Structure formats: C-alpha cells, structure tokens
C-alpha cells in the first residue's frame, strides 16, 4: 500500500491517520483560550472561582469566605470579569458575581476534579 493523503508515516510505518481533514483552531481563538487559562492559573483566583461555582456571591461574602481583604478580592474579580470568566448582577447597592457560563463552570469543575485525583 502506498502513502496517500489518508495515510501518514510514523517512525517509518505508514498507517491511516485519524487527523486527516482536521485543522487547528485559529490563532485568535487559541490566544483567547490562553488568556482564560492564565487567569485560571492563579491559586487565589481559582479559590474564588470554586466558591462562585457553588453559588452567586457578593464581594463581602467572598471576602468573608476567603478571609482576604476587599481590595484584593475586587482586583481579582476585575480581572476575571475582563476575561469574561465571571458575570455580574446588580440588586440595589449590591453586585453579585457568578460564573459567566456553563463553559467556565465545566472548566472549573473539571480542573478541581482533576486536582483531587491521587498521584500515581
């Protein structure tokens, strides 16, 4: 059998590739995803997001739960909001924060679940 467009050689052995026809995500999409992963890669922000994965909360509640100061929490929320990882809802004078959508919720849940797995 000769190599054609549907076959690829690895280590000198030709085989049918499952990758034929697949294209990588475009650069803009990958850049956006990388920004999201950078924002999620901070321990303090991830702890904050783990709370928001459970329920919507205001800054005061987050401050109390995380035992951190208001300016630090606000700064983290500002970055997470800029990356569209969290969304807000105003109720009177209070602003409530929540995860922006189900994609973010799945990222947080999967990351934390993976973190709970025992080392092998």
PDB file of N, CA and C in Angstrom:
ATOM      1  N   UNK A   1       0.852  -1.164   0.000  1.00  0.00           N
ATOM      2  CA  UNK A   1       0.000   0.000   0.000  1.00  0.00           C
ATOM      3  C   UNK A   1       0.903   1.235   0.000  1.00  0.00           C
ATOM      4  N   UNK A   2       0.631   2.151  -0.891  1.00  0.00           N
ATOM      5  CA  UNK A   2       1.448   3.362  -0.957  1.00  0.00           C
ATOM      6  C   UNK A   2       0.823   4.462  -0.117  1.00  0.00           C
ATOM      7  N   UNK A   3       1.665   5.393   0.338  1.00  0.00           N
ATOM      8  CA  UNK A   3       1.170   6.516   1.127  1.00  0.00           C
ATOM      9  C   UNK A   3       0.343   7.445   0.253  1.00  0.00           C
ATOM     10  N   UNK A   4      -0.813   7.810   0.731  1.00  0.00           N
ATOM     11  CA  UNK A   4      -1.611   8.843   0.059  1.00  0.00           C
ATOM     12  C   UNK A   4      -2.071   9.853   1.102  1.00  0.00           C
ATOM     13  N   UNK A   5      -3.020  10.694   0.750  1.00  0.00           N
ATOM     14  CA  UNK A   5      -3.443  11.767   1.650  1.00  0.00           C
ATOM     15  C   UNK A   5      -4.061  11.243   2.945  1.00  0.00           C
ATOM     16  N   UNK A   6      -4.558  10.021   2.948  1.00  0.00           N
ATOM     17  CA  UNK A   6      -5.222   9.487   4.131  1.00  0.00           C
ATOM     18  C   UNK A   6      -4.290   8.624   4.984  1.00  0.00           C
ATOM     19  N   UNK A   7      -3.062   8.493   4.537  1.00  0.00           N
ATOM     20  CA  UNK A   7      -2.102   7.704   5.295  1.00  0.00           C
ATOM     21  C   UNK A   7      -0.945   8.595   5.711  1.00  0.00           C
ATOM     22  N   UNK A   8      -0.372   8.271   6.821  1.00  0.00           N
ATOM     23  CA  UNK A   8       0.755   9.044   7.336  1.00  0.00           C
ATOM     24  C   UNK A   8       1.790   8.071   7.865  1.00  0.00           C
ATOM     25  N   UNK A   9       3.034   8.429   7.753  1.00  0.00           N
ATOM     26  CA  UNK A   9       4.077   7.546   8.243  1.00  0.00           C
ATOM     27  C   UNK A   9       4.611   8.026   9.577  1.00  0.00           C
ATOM     28  N   UNK A  10       4.589   7.169  10.563  1.00  0.00           N
ATOM     29  CA  UNK A  10       5.177   7.460  11.869  1.00  0.00           C
ATOM     30  C   UNK A  10       6.266   6.430  12.116  1.00  0.00           C
ATOM     31  N   UNK A  11       7.450   6.914  12.405  1.00  0.00           N
ATOM     32  CA  UNK A  11       8.580   6.020  12.652  1.00  0.00           C
ATOM     33  C   UNK A  11       8.768   5.019  11.510  1.00  0.00           C
ATOM     34  N   UNK A  12       8.506   5.494  10.298  1.00  0.00           N
ATOM     35  CA  UNK A  12       8.720   4.656   9.133  1.00  0.00           C
ATOM     36  C   UNK A  12       7.596   3.687   8.839  1.00  0.00           C
ATOM     37  N   UNK A  13       6.550   3.667   9.658  1.00  0.00           N
ATOM     38  CA  UNK A  13       5.424   2.758   9.451  1.00  0.00           C
ATOM     39  C   UNK A  13       4.197   3.540   8.984  1.00  0.00           C
ATOM     40  N   UNK A  14       3.736   3.329   7.766  1.00  0.00           N
ATOM     41  CA  UNK A  14       2.540   4.030   7.303  1.00  0.00           C
ATOM     42  C   UNK A  14       1.279   3.493   7.974  1.00  0.00           C
ATOM     43  N   UNK A  15       0.336   4.363   8.239  1.00  0.00           N
ATOM     44  CA  UNK A  15      -0.972   3.968   8.777  1.00  0.00           C
ATOM     45  C   UNK A  15      -1.991   5.038   8.420  1.00  0.00           C
ATOM     46  N   UNK A  16      -3.252   4.675   8.511  1.00  0.00           N
ATOM     47  CA  UNK A  16      -4.311   5.623   8.220  1.00  0.00           C
ATOM     48  C   UNK A  16      -4.393   6.593   9.389  1.00  0.00           C
ATOM     49  N   UNK A  17      -4.400   7.871   9.083  1.00  0.00           N
ATOM     50  CA  UNK A  17      -4.421   8.886  10.127  1.00  0.00           C
ATOM     51  C   UNK A  17      -5.845   9.319  10.449  1.00  0.00           C
ATOM     52  N   UNK A  18      -6.125   9.443  11.736  1.00  0.00           N
ATOM     53  CA  UNK A  18      -7.417   9.966  12.180  1.00  0.00           C
ATOM     54  C   UNK A  18      -7.429  11.489  12.108  1.00  0.00           C
ATOM     55  N   UNK A  19      -6.286  12.082  11.800  1.00  0.00           N
ATOM     56  CA  UNK A  19      -6.166  13.540  11.795  1.00  0.00           C
ATOM     57  C   UNK A  19      -6.450  14.172  10.438  1.00  0.00           C
ATOM     58  N   UNK A  20      -6.641  13.360   9.418  1.00  0.00           N
ATOM     59  CA  UNK A  20      -6.866  13.902   8.083  1.00  0.00           C
ATOM     60  C   UNK A  20      -8.123  14.762   8.089  1.00  0.00           C
ATOM     61  N   UNK A  21      -7.998  15.949   7.571  1.00  0.00           N
ATOM     62  CA  UNK A  21      -9.142  16.862   7.487  1.00  0.00           C
ATOM     63  C   UNK A  21      -9.321  17.761   8.693  1.00  0.00           C
ATOM     64  N   UNK A  22      -8.588  17.506   9.774  1.00  0.00           N
ATOM     65  CA  UNK A  22      -8.702  18.360  10.949  1.00  0.00           C
ATOM     66  C   UNK A  22      -7.780  19.565  10.793  1.00  0.00           C
ATOM     67  N   UNK A  23      -8.262  20.700  11.225  1.00  0.00           N
ATOM     68  CA  UNK A  23      -7.455  21.912  11.218  1.00  0.00           C
ATOM     69  C   UNK A  23      -7.321  22.409  12.650  1.00  0.00           C
ATOM     70  N   UNK A  24      -6.181  22.970  13.001  1.00  0.00           N
ATOM     71  CA  UNK A  24      -6.052  23.529  14.348  1.00  0.00           C
ATOM     72  C   UNK A  24      -6.945  24.756  14.497  1.00  0.00           C
ATOM     73  N   UNK A  25      -7.310  25.070  15.732  1.00  0.00           N
ATOM     74  CA  UNK A  25      -8.096  26.281  15.991  1.00  0.00           C
ATOM     75  C   UNK A  25      -7.299  27.493  15.524  1.00  0.00           C
ATOM     76  N   UNK A  26      -8.003  28.522  15.114  1.00  0.00           N
ATOM     77  CA  UNK A  26      -7.301  29.709  14.627  1.00  0.00           C
ATOM     78  C   UNK A  26      -6.569  30.418  15.763  1.00  0.00           C
ATOM     79  N   UNK A  27      -5.641  31.269  15.397  1.00  0.00           N
ATOM     80  CA  UNK A  27      -4.763  31.928  16.374  1.00  0.00           C
ATOM     81  C   UNK A  27      -5.549  32.794  17.355  1.00  0.00           C
ATOM     82  N   UNK A  28      -6.565  33.481  16.892  1.00  0.00           N
ATOM     83  CA  UNK A  28      -7.363  34.346  17.770  1.00  0.00           C
ATOM     84  C   UNK A  28      -8.060  33.517  18.852  1.00  0.00           C
ATOM     85  N   UNK A  29      -8.627  32.388  18.459  1.00  0.00           N
ATOM     86  CA  UNK A  29      -9.302  31.503  19.418  1.00  0.00           C
ATOM     87  C   UNK A  29      -8.313  30.950  20.432  1.00  0.00           C
ATOM     88  N   UNK A  30      -7.156  30.511  19.966  1.00  0.00           N
ATOM     89  CA  UNK A  30      -6.140  29.971  20.870  1.00  0.00           C
ATOM     90  C   UNK A  30      -5.614  31.055  21.817  1.00  0.00           C
ATOM     91  N   UNK A  31      -5.457  32.264  21.322  1.00  0.00           N
ATOM     92  CA  UNK A  31      -4.994  33.371  22.153  1.00  0.00           C
ATOM     93  C   UNK A  31      -6.006  33.672  23.251  1.00  0.00           C
ATOM     94  N   UNK A  32      -7.278  33.676  22.904  1.00  0.00           N
ATOM     95  CA  UNK A  32      -8.345  33.920  23.888  1.00  0.00           C
ATOM     96  C   UNK A  32      -8.348  32.820  24.948  1.00  0.00           C
ATOM     97  N   UNK A  33      -8.231  31.579  24.509  1.00  0.00           N
ATOM     98  CA  UNK A  33      -8.224  30.456  25.450  1.00  0.00           C
ATOM     99  C   UNK A  33      -7.003  30.530  26.363  1.00  0.00           C
ATOM    100  N   UNK A  34      -5.849  30.907  25.820  1.00  0.00           N
ATOM    101  CA  UNK A  34      -4.640  31.033  26.636  1.00  0.00           C
ATOM    102  C   UNK A  34      -4.819  32.091  27.714  1.00  0.00           C
ATOM    103  N   UNK A  35      -5.481  33.191  27.384  1.00  0.00           N
ATOM    104  CA  UNK A  35      -5.763  34.242  28.379  1.00  0.00           C
ATOM    105  C   UNK A  35      -6.653  33.713  29.491  1.00  0.00           C
ATOM    106  N   UNK A  36      -7.627  32.928  29.120  1.00  0.00           N
ATOM    107  CA  UNK A  36      -8.524  32.336  30.123  1.00  0.00           C
ATOM    108  C   UNK A  36      -7.739  31.399  31.035  1.00  0.00           C
ATOM    109  N   UNK A  37      -6.898  30.557  30.448  1.00  0.00           N
ATOM    110  CA  UNK A  37      -6.117  29.624  31.264  1.00  0.00           C
ATOM    111  C   UNK A  37      -5.135  30.354  32.176  1.00  0.00           C
ATOM    112  N   UNK A  38      -4.574  31.473  31.706  1.00  0.00           N
ATOM    113  CA  UNK A  38      -3.679  32.265  32.576  1.00  0.00           C
ATOM    114  C   UNK A  38      -4.461  32.806  33.769  1.00  0.00           C
ATOM    115  N   UNK A  39      -5.667  33.288  33.524  1.00  0.00           N
ATOM    116  CA  UNK A  39      -6.496  33.825  34.613  1.00  0.00           C
ATOM    117  C   UNK A  39      -6.877  32.727  35.598  1.00  0.00           C
ATOM    118  N   UNK A  40      -7.127  31.536  35.093  1.00  0.00           N
ATOM    119  CA  UNK A  40      -7.495  30.415  35.962  1.00  0.00           C
ATOM    120  C   UNK A  40      -6.288  29.829  36.688  1.00  0.00           C
ATOM    121  N   UNK A  41      -5.085  30.151  36.233  1.00  0.00           N
ATOM    122  CA  UNK A  41      -3.869  29.557  36.767  1.00  0.00           C
ATOM    123  C   UNK A  41      -3.373  30.148  38.070  1.00  0.00           C
ATOM    124  N   UNK A  42      -4.081  31.086  38.639  1.00  0.00           N
ATOM    125  CA  UNK A  42      -3.683  31.703  39.904  1.00  0.00           C
ATOM    126  C   UNK A  42      -4.466  31.062  41.049  1.00  0.00           C
ATOM    127  N   UNK A  43      -3.769  30.631  42.086  1.00  0.00           N
ATOM    128  CA  UNK A  43      -4.399  29.940  43.213  1.00  0.00           C
ATOM    129  C   UNK A  43      -5.513  30.772  43.850  1.00  0.00           C
ATOM    130  N   UNK A  44      -5.260  32.044  44.105  1.00  0.00           N
ATOM    131  CA  UNK A  44      -6.264  32.891  44.767  1.00  0.00           C
ATOM    132  C   UNK A  44      -7.504  33.067  43.896  1.00  0.00           C
ATOM    133  N   UNK A  45      -7.300  33.266  42.600  1.00  0.00           N
ATOM    134  CA  UNK A  45      -8.455  33.414  41.709  1.00  0.00           C
ATOM    135  C   UNK A  45      -9.220  32.101  41.582  1.00  0.00           C
ATOM    136  N   UNK A  46      -8.495  30.993  41.547  1.00  0.00           N
ATOM    137  CA  UNK A  46      -9.165  29.697  41.428  1.00  0.00           C
ATOM    138  C   UNK A  46      -9.979  29.370  42.679  1.00  0.00           C
ATOM    139  N   UNK A  47      -9.466  29.711  43.850  1.00  0.00           N
ATOM    140  CA  UNK A  47     -10.242  29.507  45.089  1.00  0.00           C
ATOM    141  C   UNK A  47     -11.520  30.339  45.057  1.00  0.00           C
ATOM    142  N   UNK A  48     -11.416  31.578  44.574  1.00  0.00           N
ATOM    143  CA  UNK A  48     -12.578  32.448  44.447  1.00  0.00           C
ATOM    144  C   UNK A  48     -13.594  31.830  43.479  1.00  0.00           C
ATOM    145  N   UNK A  49     -13.110  31.347  42.352  1.00  0.00           N
ATOM    146  CA  UNK A  49     -13.992  30.737  41.353  1.00  0.00           C
ATOM    147  C   UNK A  49     -14.637  29.455  41.867  1.00  0.00           C
ATOM    148  N   UNK A  50     -13.923  28.724  42.727  1.00  0.00           N
ATOM    149  CA  UNK A  50     -14.515  27.499  43.281  1.00  0.00           C
ATOM    150  C   UNK A  50     -15.727  27.825  44.148  1.00  0.00           C
ATOM    151  N   UNK A  51     -15.702  28.979  44.807  1.00  0.00           N
ATOM    152  CA  UNK A  51     -16.876  29.427  45.570  1.00  0.00           C
ATOM    153  C   UNK A  51     -18.002  29.819  44.634  1.00  0.00           C
ATOM    154  N   UNK A  52     -17.678  30.566  43.591  1.00  0.00           N
ATOM    155  CA  UNK A  52     -18.704  31.009  42.648  1.00  0.00           C
ATOM    156  C   UNK A  52     -19.284  29.842  41.860  1.00  0.00           C
ATOM    157  N   UNK A  53     -18.548  28.743  41.774  1.00  0.00           N
ATOM    158  CA  UNK A  53     -19.076  27.547  41.109  1.00  0.00           C
ATOM    159  C   UNK A  53     -20.224  26.946  41.913  1.00  0.00           C
ATOM    160  N   UNK A  54     -20.240  27.244  43.210  1.00  0.00           N
ATOM    161  CA  UNK A  54     -21.289  26.708  44.083  1.00  0.00           C
ATOM    162  C   UNK A  54     -22.505  27.613  44.135  1.00  0.00           C
ATOM    163  N   UNK A  55     -22.260  28.940  44.111  1.00  0.00           N
ATOM    164  CA  UNK A  55     -23.380  29.882  44.160  1.00  0.00           C
ATOM    165  C   UNK A  55     -22.916  31.292  43.841  1.00  0.00           C
ATOM    166  N   UNK A  56     -23.862  32.107  43.476  1.00  0.00           N
ATOM    167  CA  UNK A  56     -23.625  33.526  43.242  1.00  0.00           C
ATOM    168  C   UNK A  56     -23.337  34.196  44.590  1.00  0.00           C
ATOM    169  N   UNK A  57     -22.368  35.114  44.614  1.00  0.00           N
ATOM    170  CA  UNK A  57     -21.988  35.771  45.864  1.00  0.00           C
ATOM    171  C   UNK A  57     -21.611  37.217  45.607  1.00  0.00           C
ATOM    172  N   UNK A  58     -21.747  38.050  46.655  1.00  0.00           N
ATOM    173  CA  UNK A  58     -21.283  39.430  46.567  1.00  0.00           C
ATOM    174  C   UNK A  58     -19.844  39.500  47.097  1.00  0.00           C
ATOM    175  N   UNK A  59     -19.198  40.634  46.888  1.00  0.00           N
ATOM    176  CA  UNK A  59     -17.803  40.808  47.282  1.00  0.00           C
ATOM    177  C   UNK A  59     -17.621  40.590  48.780  1.00  0.00           C
ATOM    178  N   UNK A  60     -18.548  41.086  49.589  1.00  0.00           N
ATOM    179  CA  UNK A  60     -18.452  40.938  51.042  1.00  0.00           C
ATOM    180  C   UNK A  60     -18.467  39.469  51.439  1.00  0.00           C
ATOM    181  N   UNK A  61     -19.344  38.686  50.816  1.00  0.00           N
ATOM    182  CA  UNK A  61     -19.412  37.255  51.118  1.00  0.00           C
ATOM    183  C   UNK A  61     -18.114  36.559  50.704  1.00  0.00           C
ATOM    184  N   UNK A  62     -17.601  36.923  49.547  1.00  0.00           N
ATOM    185  CA  UNK A  62     -16.332  36.329  49.087  1.00  0.00           C
ATOM    186  C   UNK A  62     -15.192  36.679  50.028  1.00  0.00           C
ATOM    187  N   UNK A  63     -15.165  37.924  50.474  1.00  0.00           N
ATOM    188  CA  UNK A  63     -14.131  38.386  51.405  1.00  0.00           C
ATOM    189  C   UNK A  63     -14.167  37.580  52.695  1.00  0.00           C
ATOM    190  N   UNK A  64     -15.368  37.362  53.214  1.00  0.00           N
ATOM    191  CA  UNK A  64     -15.520  36.598  54.452  1.00  0.00           C
ATOM    192  C   UNK A  64     -15.118  35.138  54.261  1.00  0.00           C
ATOM    193  N   UNK A  65     -15.585  34.519  53.190  1.00  0.00           N
ATOM    194  CA  UNK A  65     -15.284  33.101  52.948  1.00  0.00           C
ATOM    195  C   UNK A  65     -13.793  32.862  52.728  1.00  0.00           C
ATOM    196  N   UNK A  66     -13.149  33.762  52.011  1.00  0.00           N
ATOM    197  CA  UNK A  66     -11.737  33.594  51.680  1.00  0.00           C
ATOM    198  C   UNK A  66     -10.813  34.202  52.727  1.00  0.00           C
ATOM    199  N   UNK A  67     -11.396  34.919  53.692  1.00  0.00           N
ATOM    200  CA  UNK A  67     -10.627  35.592  54.735  1.00  0.00           C
ATOM    201  C   UNK A  67      -9.506  36.427  54.123  1.00  0.00           C
ATOM    202  N   UNK A  68      -9.904  37.262  53.176  1.00  0.00           N
ATOM    203  CA  UNK A  68      -8.975  38.132  52.465  1.00  0.00           C
ATOM    204  C   UNK A  68      -9.532  39.551  52.518  1.00  0.00           C
ATOM    205  N   UNK A  69      -8.745  40.510  52.045  1.00  0.00           N
ATOM    206  CA  UNK A  69      -9.216  41.894  52.118  1.00  0.00           C
ATOM    207  C   UNK A  69     -10.003  42.282  50.866  1.00  0.00           C
ATOM    208  N   UNK A  70     -10.869  43.246  51.024  1.00  0.00           N
ATOM    209  CA  UNK A  70     -11.773  43.687  49.960  1.00  0.00           C
ATOM    210  C   UNK A  70     -11.037  44.151  48.705  1.00  0.00           C
ATOM    211  N   UNK A  71      -9.983  44.978  48.813  1.00  0.00           N
ATOM    212  CA  UNK A  71      -9.291  45.402  47.587  1.00  0.00           C
ATOM    213  C   UNK A  71      -8.702  44.231  46.786  1.00  0.00           C
ATOM    214  N   UNK A  72      -8.173  43.230  47.472  1.00  0.00           N
ATOM    215  CA  UNK A  72      -7.593  42.079  46.777  1.00  0.00           C
ATOM    216  C   UNK A  72      -8.670  41.297  46.029  1.00  0.00           C
ATOM    217  N   UNK A  73      -9.789  41.051  46.689  1.00  0.00           N
ATOM    218  CA  UNK A  73     -10.901  40.327  46.066  1.00  0.00           C
ATOM    219  C   UNK A  73     -11.436  41.128  44.881  1.00  0.00           C
ATOM    220  N   UNK A  74     -11.607  42.422  45.067  1.00  0.00           N
ATOM    221  CA  UNK A  74     -12.114  43.274  43.987  1.00  0.00           C
ATOM    222  C   UNK A  74     -11.196  43.257  42.774  1.00  0.00           C
ATOM    223  N   UNK A  75      -9.898  43.283  43.008  1.00  0.00           N
ATOM    224  CA  UNK A  75      -8.936  43.260  41.907  1.00  0.00           C
ATOM    225  C   UNK A  75      -9.013  41.942  41.139  1.00  0.00           C
ATOM    226  N   UNK A  76      -9.141  40.844  41.860  1.00  0.00           N
ATOM    227  CA  UNK A  76      -9.268  39.538  41.202  1.00  0.00           C
ATOM    228  C   UNK A  76     -10.540  39.468  40.371  1.00  0.00           C
ATOM    229  N   UNK A  77     -11.635  39.969  40.946  1.00  0.00           N
ATOM    230  CA  UNK A  77     -12.909  39.965  40.228  1.00  0.00           C
ATOM    231  C   UNK A  77     -12.851  40.839  38.981  1.00  0.00           C
ATOM    232  N   UNK A  78     -12.138  41.943  39.070  1.00  0.00           N
ATOM    233  CA  UNK A  78     -11.993  42.836  37.915  1.00  0.00           C
ATOM    234  C   UNK A  78     -11.309  42.103  36.763  1.00  0.00           C
ATOM    235  N   UNK A  79     -10.232  41.391  37.067  1.00  0.00           N
ATOM    236  CA  UNK A  79      -9.528  40.634  36.034  1.00  0.00           C
ATOM    237  C   UNK A  79     -10.413  39.519  35.472  1.00  0.00           C
ATOM    238  N   UNK A  80     -11.089  38.790  36.338  1.00  0.00           N
ATOM    239  CA  UNK A  80     -11.946  37.691  35.898  1.00  0.00           C
ATOM    240  C   UNK A  80     -13.124  38.196  35.065  1.00  0.00           C
ATOM    241  N   UNK A  81     -13.603  39.354  35.404  1.00  0.00           N
ATOM    242  CA  UNK A  81     -14.696  39.945  34.619  1.00  0.00           C
ATOM    243  C   UNK A  81     -14.187  40.399  33.257  1.00  0.00           C
ATOM    244  N   UNK A  82     -12.983  40.975  33.216  1.00  0.00           N
ATOM    245  CA  UNK A  82     -12.392  41.418  31.948  1.00  0.00           C
ATOM    246  C   UNK A  82     -12.175  40.234  31.010  1.00  0.00           C
ATOM    247  N   UNK A  83     -11.879  39.069  31.565  1.00  0.00           N
ATOM    248  CA  UNK A  83     -11.681  37.858  30.754  1.00  0.00           C
ATOM    249  C   UNK A  83     -13.000  37.138  30.480  1.00  0.00           C
ATOM    250  N   UNK A  84     -14.099  37.715  30.920  1.00  0.00           N
ATOM    251  CA  UNK A  84     -15.445  37.148  30.730  1.00  0.00           C
ATOM    252  C   UNK A  84     -15.582  35.775  31.383  1.00  0.00           C
ATOM    253  N   UNK A  85     -14.912  35.614  32.523  1.00  0.00           N
ATOM    254  CA  UNK A  85     -14.992  34.370  33.290  1.00  0.00           C
ATOM    255  C   UNK A  85     -16.089  34.477  34.333  1.00  0.00           C
ATOM    256  N   UNK A  86     -16.299  35.690  34.856  1.00  0.00           N
ATOM    257  CA  UNK A  86     -17.403  35.941  35.774  1.00  0.00           C
ATOM    258  C   UNK A  86     -18.324  37.000  35.170  1.00  0.00           C
ATOM    259  N   UNK A  87     -19.565  36.959  35.611  1.00  0.00           N
ATOM    260  CA  UNK A  87     -20.569  37.943  35.205  1.00  0.00           C
ATOM    261  C   UNK A  87     -21.175  38.527  36.473  1.00  0.00           C
ATOM    262  N   UNK A  88     -21.857  39.641  36.331  1.00  0.00           N
ATOM    263  CA  UNK A  88     -22.427  40.320  37.495  1.00  0.00           C
ATOM    264  C   UNK A  88     -23.927  40.532  37.347  1.00  0.00           C
ATOM    265  N   UNK A  89     -24.529  40.776  38.504  1.00  0.00           N
ATOM    266  CA  UNK A  89     -25.942  41.135  38.575  1.00  0.00           C
ATOM    267  C   UNK A  89     -26.077  42.135  39.714  1.00  0.00           C
ATOM    268  N   UNK A  90     -26.728  43.244  39.456  1.00  0.00           N
ATOM    269  CA  UNK A  90     -26.921  44.258  40.488  1.00  0.00           C
ATOM    270  C   UNK A  90     -28.292  44.074  41.139  1.00  0.00           C
ATOM    271  N   UNK A  91     -28.296  44.175  42.467  1.00  0.00           N
ATOM    272  CA  UNK A  91     -29.537  44.146  43.239  1.00  0.00           C
ATOM    273  C   UNK A  91     -29.440  45.255  44.272  1.00  0.00           C
ATOM    274  N   UNK A  92     -30.071  46.373  43.999  1.00  0.00           N
ATOM    275  CA  UNK A  92     -29.940  47.540  44.866  1.00  0.00           C
ATOM    276  C   UNK A  92     -28.509  48.035  44.834  1.00  0.00           C
ATOM    277  N   UNK A  93     -27.879  48.124  46.003  1.00  0.00           N
ATOM    278  CA  UNK A  93     -26.491  48.578  46.090  1.00  0.00           C
ATOM    279  C   UNK A  93     -25.485  47.430  45.990  1.00  0.00           C
ATOM    280  N   UNK A  94     -25.977  46.211  45.949  1.00  0.00           N
ATOM    281  CA  UNK A  94     -25.098  45.041  45.924  1.00  0.00           C
ATOM    282  C   UNK A  94     -24.868  44.555  44.497  1.00  0.00           C
ATOM    283  N   UNK A  95     -23.644  44.133  44.240  1.00  0.00           N
ATOM    284  CA  UNK A  95     -23.311  43.490  42.969  1.00  0.00           C
ATOM    285  C   UNK A  95     -22.970  42.048  43.272  1.00  0.00           C
ATOM    286  N   UNK A  96     -23.666  41.151  42.629  1.00  0.00           N
ATOM    287  CA  UNK A  96     -23.454  39.722  42.818  1.00  0.00           C
ATOM    288  C   UNK A  96     -22.662  39.166  41.640  1.00  0.00           C
ATOM    289  N   UNK A  97     -21.733  38.286  41.952  1.00  0.00           N
ATOM    290  CA  UNK A  97     -20.874  37.676  40.947  1.00  0.00           C
ATOM    291  C   UNK A  97     -21.238  36.210  40.798  1.00  0.00           C
ATOM    292  N   UNK A  98     -21.098  35.715  39.575  1.00  0.00           N
ATOM    293  CA  UNK A  98     -21.352  34.308  39.256  1.00  0.00           C
ATOM    294  C   UNK A  98     -20.431  33.919  38.106  1.00  0.00           C
ATOM    295  N   UNK A  99     -20.291  32.621  37.874  1.00  0.00           N
ATOM    296  CA  UNK A  99     -19.529  32.164  36.712  1.00  0.00           C
ATOM    297  C   UNK A  99     -20.290  32.607  35.464  1.00  0.00           C
ATOM    298  N   UNK A 100     -19.556  32.989  34.442  1.00  0.00           N
ATOM    299  CA  UNK A 100     -20.157  33.602  33.259  1.00  0.00           C
ATOM    300  C   UNK A 100     -21.060  32.661  32.472  1.00  0.00           C
ATOM    301  N   UNK A 101     -20.670  31.403  32.361  1.00  0.00           N
ATOM    302  CA  UNK A 101     -21.475  30.473  31.573  1.00  0.00           C
ATOM    303  C   UNK A 101     -21.100  29.032  31.901  1.00  0.00           C
ATOM    304  N   UNK A 102     -21.768  28.116  31.239  1.00  0.00           N
ATOM    305  CA  UNK A 102     -21.537  26.694  31.523  1.00  0.00           C
ATOM    306  C   UNK A 102     -20.137  26.240  31.103  1.00  0.00           C
ATOM    307  N   UNK A 103     -19.539  26.887  30.089  1.00  0.00           N
ATOM    308  CA  UNK A 103     -18.173  26.520  29.695  1.00  0.00           C
ATOM    309  C   UNK A 103     -17.206  26.763  30.848  1.00  0.00           C
ATOM    310  N   UNK A 104     -17.331  27.911  31.479  1.00  0.00           N
ATOM    311  CA  UNK A 104     -16.461  28.250  32.609  1.00  0.00           C
ATOM    312  C   UNK A 104     -16.739  27.294  33.770  1.00  0.00           C
ATOM    313  N   UNK A 105     -18.007  27.024  34.025  1.00  0.00           N
ATOM    314  CA  UNK A 105     -18.369  26.111  35.115  1.00  0.00           C
ATOM    315  C   UNK A 105     -17.740  24.740  34.893  1.00  0.00           C
ATOM    316  N   UNK A 106     -17.760  24.254  33.659  1.00  0.00           N
ATOM    317  CA  UNK A 106     -17.163  22.951  33.349  1.00  0.00           C
ATOM    318  C   UNK A 106     -15.644  22.988  33.513  1.00  0.00           C
ATOM    319  N   UNK A 107     -15.002  24.082  33.072  1.00  0.00           N
ATOM    320  CA  UNK A 107     -13.551  24.209  33.241  1.00  0.00           C
ATOM    321  C   UNK A 107     -13.165  24.135  34.713  1.00  0.00           C
ATOM    322  N   UNK A 108     -13.892  24.893  35.539  1.00  0.00           N
ATOM    323  CA  UNK A 108     -13.593  24.924  36.976  1.00  0.00           C
ATOM    324  C   UNK A 108     -13.835  23.541  37.585  1.00  0.00           C
ATOM    325  N   UNK A 109     -14.994  22.958  37.300  1.00  0.00           N
ATOM    326  CA  UNK A 109     -15.332  21.649  37.870  1.00  0.00           C
ATOM    327  C   UNK A 109     -14.327  20.585  37.441  1.00  0.00           C
ATOM    328  N   UNK A 110     -13.980  20.571  36.169  1.00  0.00           N
ATOM    329  CA  UNK A 110     -13.027  19.561  35.683  1.00  0.00           C
ATOM    330  C   UNK A 110     -11.632  19.773  36.247  1.00  0.00           C
ATOM    331  N   UNK A 111     -11.200  21.025  36.330  1.00  0.00           N
ATOM    332  CA  UNK A 111      -9.882  21.311  36.899  1.00  0.00           C
ATOM    333  C   UNK A 111      -9.792  20.888  38.348  1.00  0.00           C
ATOM    334  N   UNK A 112     -10.817  21.206  39.126  1.00  0.00           N
ATOM    335  CA  UNK A 112     -10.809  20.835  40.540  1.00  0.00           C
ATOM    336  C   UNK A 112     -10.920  19.321  40.714  1.00  0.00           C
ATOM    337  N   UNK A 113     -11.734  18.680  39.885  1.00  0.00           N
ATOM    338  CA  UNK A 113     -11.864  17.214  39.965  1.00  0.00           C
ATOM    339  C   UNK A 113     -10.532  16.553  39.631  1.00  0.00           C
ATOM    340  N   UNK A 114      -9.861  17.065  38.637  1.00  0.00           N
ATOM    341  CA  UNK A 114      -8.551  16.520  38.266  1.00  0.00           C
ATOM    342  C   UNK A 114      -7.537  16.747  39.394  1.00  0.00           C
ATOM    343  N   UNK A 115      -7.636  17.907  40.057  1.00  0.00           N
ATOM    344  CA  UNK A 115      -6.754  18.204  41.173  1.00  0.00           C
ATOM    345  C   UNK A 115      -6.967  17.296  42.373  1.00  0.00           C
ATOM    346  N   UNK A 116      -8.160  16.740  42.502  1.00  0.00           N
ATOM    347  CA  UNK A 116      -8.477  15.827  43.609  1.00  0.00           C
ATOM    348  C   UNK A 116      -8.002  14.409  43.365  1.00  0.00           C
ATOM    349  N   UNK A 117      -7.642  14.088  42.113  1.00  0.00           N
ATOM    350  CA  UNK A 117      -7.195  12.737  41.799  1.00  0.00           C
ATOM    351  C   UNK A 117      -5.875  12.448  42.499  1.00  0.00           C
ATOM    352  N   UNK A 118      -5.724  11.230  43.019  1.00  0.00           N
ATOM    353  CA  UNK A 118      -4.469  10.881  43.707  1.00  0.00           C
ATOM    354  C   UNK A 118      -3.320  10.788  42.705  1.00  0.00           C
ATOM    355  N   UNK A 119      -2.126  11.082  43.190  1.00  0.00           N
ATOM    356  CA  UNK A 119      -0.938  10.927  42.351  1.00  0.00           C
ATOM    357  C   UNK A 119      -0.698   9.450  42.103  1.00  0.00           C
ATOM    358  N   UNK A 120      -0.199   9.174  40.930  1.00  0.00           N
ATOM    359  CA  UNK A 120       0.088   7.763  40.613  1.00  0.00           C
ATOM    360  C   UNK A 120       1.559   7.504  40.686  1.00  0.00           C
TER     361      UNK A 120
END
